[in-house]
Amino acid sequence: MATILVVDDDSLVRSSIVECFSAAGYQTLAAVHGAEALAILEDKLPDLVISDIDMPVMDGFEVLRWIRQHESLSGLRVLVLTVSNRISDVNLAYELGANSFLVKPTDFEQTVHLSSLIKDYWLGADAGPTVSRPSNSKQRAGEKQETRN
């Protein structure tokens, strides 16, 4: 079963998305800001990252830059989920390598629907590339790198 990393400083949004994917049987990881997400990515490799862009400490654009700077993570699917619908944010997200730019739902029912669409497409229909942890991750000597298809 796939693993999803949800990065959002809004606890209601974060917990709603985590609840939707957990209820569907997916393993979920959660981070409150980008720096926490990077710490998770150094130890665990999700199949999909869903990230807000406006967060304290480190925003979603910085997370996206960090992911795309690591060749081994170049295929990691990253979806931006934010309240912004500014064309400058949309364009920047895609320039930095986002796979999708989604506007946050306004209620739980819409969140459930969007989570279902994400699950069906990104974890069902989409054939994602092989991804492995960055070479500078906290890897024990002799341990094989984790690889996902």
Protein backbone atom coordinates (compact mmCIF):
# COMPACT_ATOMS: atom_id res chain seq x y z
CA MET A 1 0.00 0.00 0.00
CA ALA A 2 1.20 3.49 -0.83
CA THR A 3 2.48 6.06 1.65
CA ILE A 4 1.38 9.70 1.50
CA LEU A 5 3.18 12.64 3.13
CA VAL A 6 0.84 15.54 3.95
CA VAL A 7 2.57 18.86 4.66
CA ASP A 8 0.30 21.63 5.94
CA ASP A 9 0.38 24.01 8.90
CA ASP A 10 -3.44 24.06 9.07
CA SER A 11 -4.21 21.24 11.52
CA LEU A 12 -7.80 20.86 10.31
CA VAL A 13 -6.81 20.47 6.67
CA ARG A 14 -3.87 18.21 7.53
CA SER A 15 -5.93 15.93 9.77
CA SER A 16 -8.81 15.79 7.26
CA ILE A 17 -6.55 14.66 4.44
CA VAL A 18 -4.71 12.20 6.68
CA GLU A 19 -8.06 10.81 7.87
CA CYS A 20 -9.30 10.36 4.28
CA PHE A 21 -6.21 8.46 3.16
CA SER A 22 -5.93 6.45 6.39
CA ALA A 23 -9.56 5.38 6.08
CA ALA A 24 -8.78 4.15 2.56
CA GLY A 25 -5.97 1.98 3.97
CA TYR A 26 -2.98 4.13 3.03
CA GLN A 27 -0.06 4.81 5.35
CA THR A 28 0.13 8.52 6.06
CA LEU A 29 2.87 10.78 7.33
CA ALA A 30 2.25 14.36 8.38
CA ALA A 31 4.37 17.47 8.76
CA VAL A 32 3.44 20.94 10.02
CA HIS A 33 6.01 22.81 7.88
CA GLY A 34 8.62 22.23 5.23
CA ALA A 35 11.57 21.64 7.54
CA GLU A 36 9.66 18.85 9.26
CA ALA A 37 8.80 17.40 5.83
CA LEU A 38 12.48 17.33 4.83
CA ALA A 39 13.37 15.50 8.04
CA ILE A 40 10.74 12.89 7.19
CA LEU A 41 11.97 12.61 3.58
CA GLU A 42 15.49 11.92 4.80
CA ASP A 43 14.22 8.82 6.65
CA LYS A 44 11.13 7.71 4.77
CA LEU A 45 10.20 7.69 1.13
CA PRO A 46 6.52 8.34 0.42
CA ASP A 47 4.84 7.54 -2.87
CA LEU A 48 3.16 10.95 -2.95
CA VAL A 49 3.66 14.32 -1.27
CA ILE A 50 0.73 16.70 -0.81
CA SER A 51 2.03 20.09 0.30
CA ASP A 52 0.66 23.52 1.10
CA ILE A 53 2.80 26.45 -0.03
CA ASP A 54 2.15 29.04 2.69
CA MET A 55 3.72 27.62 5.86
CA PRO A 56 6.01 28.88 8.62
CA VAL A 57 9.69 27.88 8.95
CA MET A 58 9.95 26.57 5.36
CA ASP A 59 7.28 27.02 2.72
CA GLY A 60 6.08 24.55 0.12
CA PHE A 61 8.08 26.16 -2.68
CA GLU A 62 11.28 25.53 -0.70
CA VAL A 63 10.23 21.91 -0.12
CA LEU A 64 9.62 21.49 -3.84
CA ARG A 65 13.01 23.04 -4.68
CA TRP A 66 14.74 20.69 -2.21
CA ILE A 67 13.01 17.61 -3.62
CA ARG A 68 13.81 18.51 -7.22
CA GLN A 69 17.48 19.25 -6.36
CA HIS A 70 17.92 15.60 -5.42
CA GLU A 71 18.20 13.59 -8.61
CA SER A 72 17.08 10.42 -6.83
CA LEU A 73 13.80 12.15 -5.91
CA SER A 74 13.17 13.68 -9.32
CA GLY A 75 10.31 11.28 -9.93
CA LEU A 76 8.65 11.82 -6.55
CA ARG A 77 5.12 13.00 -7.23
CA VAL A 78 4.40 16.31 -5.47
CA LEU A 79 0.96 17.87 -5.44
CA VAL A 80 0.57 21.45 -4.26
CA LEU A 81 -2.66 21.96 -2.29
CA THR A 82 -3.22 25.53 -1.21
CA VAL A 83 -5.84 28.25 -0.75
CA SER A 84 -4.03 30.39 -3.31
CA ASN A 85 -5.30 30.57 -6.84
CA ARG A 86 -2.83 33.30 -7.84
CA ILE A 87 -1.47 32.60 -11.30
CA SER A 88 2.03 33.54 -10.08
CA ASP A 89 1.85 30.75 -7.45
CA VAL A 90 0.50 28.28 -10.02
CA ASN A 91 3.28 29.14 -12.48
CA LEU A 92 6.03 29.02 -9.85
CA ALA A 93 4.84 25.65 -8.53
CA TYR A 94 4.98 24.15 -12.02
CA GLU A 95 8.34 25.81 -12.78
CA LEU A 96 9.74 24.19 -9.63
CA GLY A 97 8.45 20.77 -10.68
CA ALA A 98 5.04 20.31 -9.07
CA ASN A 99 3.04 17.54 -10.67
CA SER A 100 -0.26 19.24 -9.91
CA PHE A 101 -1.60 22.46 -8.38
CA LEU A 102 -4.88 22.10 -6.47
CA VAL A 103 -6.95 24.65 -4.58
CA LYS A 104 -7.94 23.52 -1.09
CA PRO A 105 -11.54 22.44 -0.59
CA THR A 106 -13.70 24.55 1.68
CA ASP A 107 -15.29 21.75 3.71
CA PHE A 108 -14.76 18.16 4.81
CA GLU A 109 -17.08 16.66 2.17
CA GLN A 110 -15.11 18.37 -0.60
CA THR A 111 -11.86 17.23 1.03
CA VAL A 112 -13.10 13.63 0.96
CA HIS A 113 -14.01 14.02 -2.72
CA LEU A 114 -10.65 15.57 -3.62
CA SER A 115 -8.79 12.89 -1.65
CA SER A 116 -10.69 10.24 -3.59
CA LEU A 117 -9.75 11.88 -6.90
CA ILE A 118 -6.09 12.07 -5.83
CA LYS A 119 -6.15 8.43 -4.75
CA ASP A 120 -7.80 7.22 -7.95
CA TYR A 121 -5.51 9.13 -10.28
CA TRP A 122 -2.13 9.56 -8.58
CA LEU A 123 -2.12 6.25 -6.69
CA GLY A 124 -4.20 4.26 -9.16
CA ALA A 125 -4.12 5.28 -12.81
CA ASP A 126 -0.77 7.12 -12.85
CA ALA A 127 2.29 4.91 -13.34
CA GLY A 128 4.88 6.74 -11.26
CA PRO A 129 8.63 6.42 -11.87
CA THR A 130 11.09 4.65 -9.61
CA VAL A 131 12.29 6.87 -6.78
CA SER A 132 14.98 6.31 -4.16
CA ARG A 133 16.11 8.21 -1.11
CA PRO A 134 18.63 11.02 -1.62
CA SER A 135 22.22 9.86 -1.27
CA ASN A 136 22.77 12.27 1.63
CA SER A 137 20.01 10.66 3.68
CA LYS A 138 20.67 9.22 7.11
CA GLN A 139 21.41 5.75 5.80
CA ARG A 140 23.12 3.14 7.94
CA ALA A 141 26.24 1.52 6.55
CA GLY A 142 25.43 -1.51 4.45
CA GLU A 143 21.70 -0.72 4.26
CA LYS A 144 20.18 -0.86 0.79
CA GLN A 145 18.41 2.24 -0.52
CA GLU A 146 14.65 1.98 -0.53
CA THR A 147 13.12 2.01 -3.99
CA ARG A 148 9.48 2.50 -4.99
CA ASN A 149 7.74 2.01 -8.30
